[in-house]
Amino acid sequence: MPDFSVGDAVKIFQDYPDDWIEAENQVGLIIGFGKRLHIPAAKVLVLGEVAEFDLTELQLVHASGGTHESR
């Protein structure tokens, strides 16, 4: 599992997608961290709402930070 940071773009693959079917396979932005039932989780801005997902339900799409070249 990759190390996630605030600002990372992640794709959501829920263990139980029926809980919020619209969020499944969507890209969101990590805005914070917490725990759900003692399991590490991330607060993700997706579809205009903030929701918590277990870190195992997230796939890193783009890491925040680093340097970007402008052309």
C-alpha atoms as a PDB file:
ATOM      1  CA  MET A   1       0.000   0.000   0.000  1.00  0.00           C
ATOM      2  CA  PRO A   2       1.487   3.380  -0.947  1.00  0.00           C
ATOM      3  CA  ASP A   3       2.020   6.151   1.568  1.00  0.00           C
ATOM      4  CA  PHE A   4      -0.709   8.719   1.040  1.00  0.00           C
ATOM      5  CA  SER A   5      -0.434  12.462   1.711  1.00  0.00           C
ATOM      6  CA  VAL A   6      -2.909  15.305   1.915  1.00  0.00           C
ATOM      7  CA  GLY A   7      -3.424  16.589  -1.615  1.00  0.00           C
ATOM      8  CA  ASP A   8      -2.947  13.217  -3.337  1.00  0.00           C
ATOM      9  CA  ALA A   9      -5.403  12.290  -6.072  1.00  0.00           C
ATOM     10  CA  VAL A  10      -6.830   8.799  -5.495  1.00  0.00           C
ATOM     11  CA  LYS A  11      -9.219   6.439  -7.255  1.00  0.00           C
ATOM     12  CA  ILE A  12     -11.869   4.835  -5.051  1.00  0.00           C
ATOM     13  CA  PHE A  13     -12.548   1.080  -5.000  1.00  0.00           C
ATOM     14  CA  GLN A  14     -14.902   0.424  -2.069  1.00  0.00           C
ATOM     15  CA  ASP A  15     -15.108  -2.906  -0.255  1.00  0.00           C
ATOM     16  CA  TYR A  16     -18.895  -2.442  -0.284  1.00  0.00           C
ATOM     17  CA  PRO A  17     -19.694  -0.212  -3.293  1.00  0.00           C
ATOM     18  CA  ASP A  18     -23.429  -0.419  -2.621  1.00  0.00           C
ATOM     19  CA  ASP A  19     -22.865   1.996   0.283  1.00  0.00           C
ATOM     20  CA  TRP A  20     -22.213   4.835  -2.204  1.00  0.00           C
ATOM     21  CA  ILE A  21     -22.324   3.481  -5.751  1.00  0.00           C
ATOM     22  CA  GLU A  22     -21.746   6.909  -7.352  1.00  0.00           C
ATOM     23  CA  ALA A  23     -18.312   7.173  -5.699  1.00  0.00           C
ATOM     24  CA  GLU A  24     -17.074   3.831  -7.026  1.00  0.00           C
ATOM     25  CA  ASN A  25     -14.199   4.266  -9.550  1.00  0.00           C
ATOM     26  CA  GLN A  26     -14.245   8.058  -9.082  1.00  0.00           C
ATOM     27  CA  VAL A  27     -11.145  10.167  -8.515  1.00  0.00           C
ATOM     28  CA  GLY A  28     -11.021  12.197  -5.310  1.00  0.00           C
ATOM     29  CA  LEU A  29      -8.609  14.380  -3.360  1.00  0.00           C
ATOM     30  CA  ILE A  30      -7.298  13.431   0.088  1.00  0.00           C
ATOM     31  CA  ILE A  31      -7.968  16.286   2.511  1.00  0.00           C
ATOM     32  CA  GLY A  32      -7.159  14.580   5.814  1.00  0.00           C
ATOM     33  CA  PHE A  33      -6.725  11.349   7.740  1.00  0.00           C
ATOM     34  CA  GLY A  34      -8.505   9.519  10.541  1.00  0.00           C
ATOM     35  CA  LYS A  35      -9.567   6.041  11.559  1.00  0.00           C
ATOM     36  CA  ARG A  36     -12.735   4.049  10.959  1.00  0.00           C
ATOM     37  CA  LEU A  37     -13.193   1.372  13.620  1.00  0.00           C
ATOM     38  CA  HIS A  38      -9.436   1.564  14.379  1.00  0.00           C
ATOM     39  CA  ILE A  39      -8.572   1.117  10.679  1.00  0.00           C
ATOM     40  CA  PRO A  40      -6.482   3.860   9.029  1.00  0.00           C
ATOM     41  CA  ALA A  41      -8.689   5.939   6.751  1.00  0.00           C
ATOM     42  CA  ALA A  42      -8.547   9.046   4.598  1.00  0.00           C
ATOM     43  CA  LYS A  43     -11.023  11.890   4.285  1.00  0.00           C
ATOM     44  CA  VAL A  44     -11.573  12.288   0.543  1.00  0.00           C
ATOM     45  CA  LEU A  45     -13.302  15.075  -1.376  1.00  0.00           C
ATOM     46  CA  VAL A  46     -15.239  13.279  -4.110  1.00  0.00           C
ATOM     47  CA  LEU A  47     -18.302  14.348  -6.080  1.00  0.00           C
ATOM     48  CA  GLY A  48     -18.444  17.577  -4.073  1.00  0.00           C
ATOM     49  CA  GLU A  49     -18.710  15.791  -0.710  1.00  0.00           C
ATOM     50  CA  VAL A  50     -16.251  14.704   1.971  1.00  0.00           C
ATOM     51  CA  ALA A  51     -16.313  11.011   2.883  1.00  0.00           C
ATOM     52  CA  GLU A  52     -14.017   8.616   4.747  1.00  0.00           C
ATOM     53  CA  PHE A  53     -12.550   5.583   3.015  1.00  0.00           C
ATOM     54  CA  ASP A  54     -10.220   2.898   4.349  1.00  0.00           C
ATOM     55  CA  LEU A  55      -6.729   3.322   2.898  1.00  0.00           C
ATOM     56  CA  THR A  56      -7.082  -0.146   1.360  1.00  0.00           C
ATOM     57  CA  GLU A  57      -9.989   1.207  -0.741  1.00  0.00           C
ATOM     58  CA  LEU A  58      -7.815   3.853  -2.409  1.00  0.00           C
ATOM     59  CA  GLN A  59      -5.399   3.696  -5.324  1.00  0.00           C
ATOM     60  CA  LEU A  60      -2.897   6.508  -5.830  1.00  0.00           C
ATOM     61  CA  VAL A  61      -3.475   8.351  -9.102  1.00  0.00           C
ATOM     62  CA  HIS A  62      -1.192  11.351  -8.595  1.00  0.00           C
ATOM     63  CA  ALA A  63       0.973  12.289  -5.621  1.00  0.00           C
ATOM     64  CA  SER A  64       0.917  15.877  -4.376  1.00  0.00           C
ATOM     65  CA  GLY A  65       4.056  17.933  -3.997  1.00  0.00           C
ATOM     66  CA  GLY A  66       7.214  17.533  -5.984  1.00  0.00           C
ATOM     67  CA  THR A  67       8.371  19.831  -8.719  1.00  0.00           C
ATOM     68  CA  HIS A  68       6.520  20.469 -11.938  1.00  0.00           C
ATOM     69  CA  GLU A  69       8.154  21.721 -15.091  1.00  0.00           C
ATOM     70  CA  SER A  70       6.397  24.368 -17.115  1.00  0.00           C
ATOM     71  CA  ARG A  71       6.990  24.425 -20.848  1.00  0.00           C
END
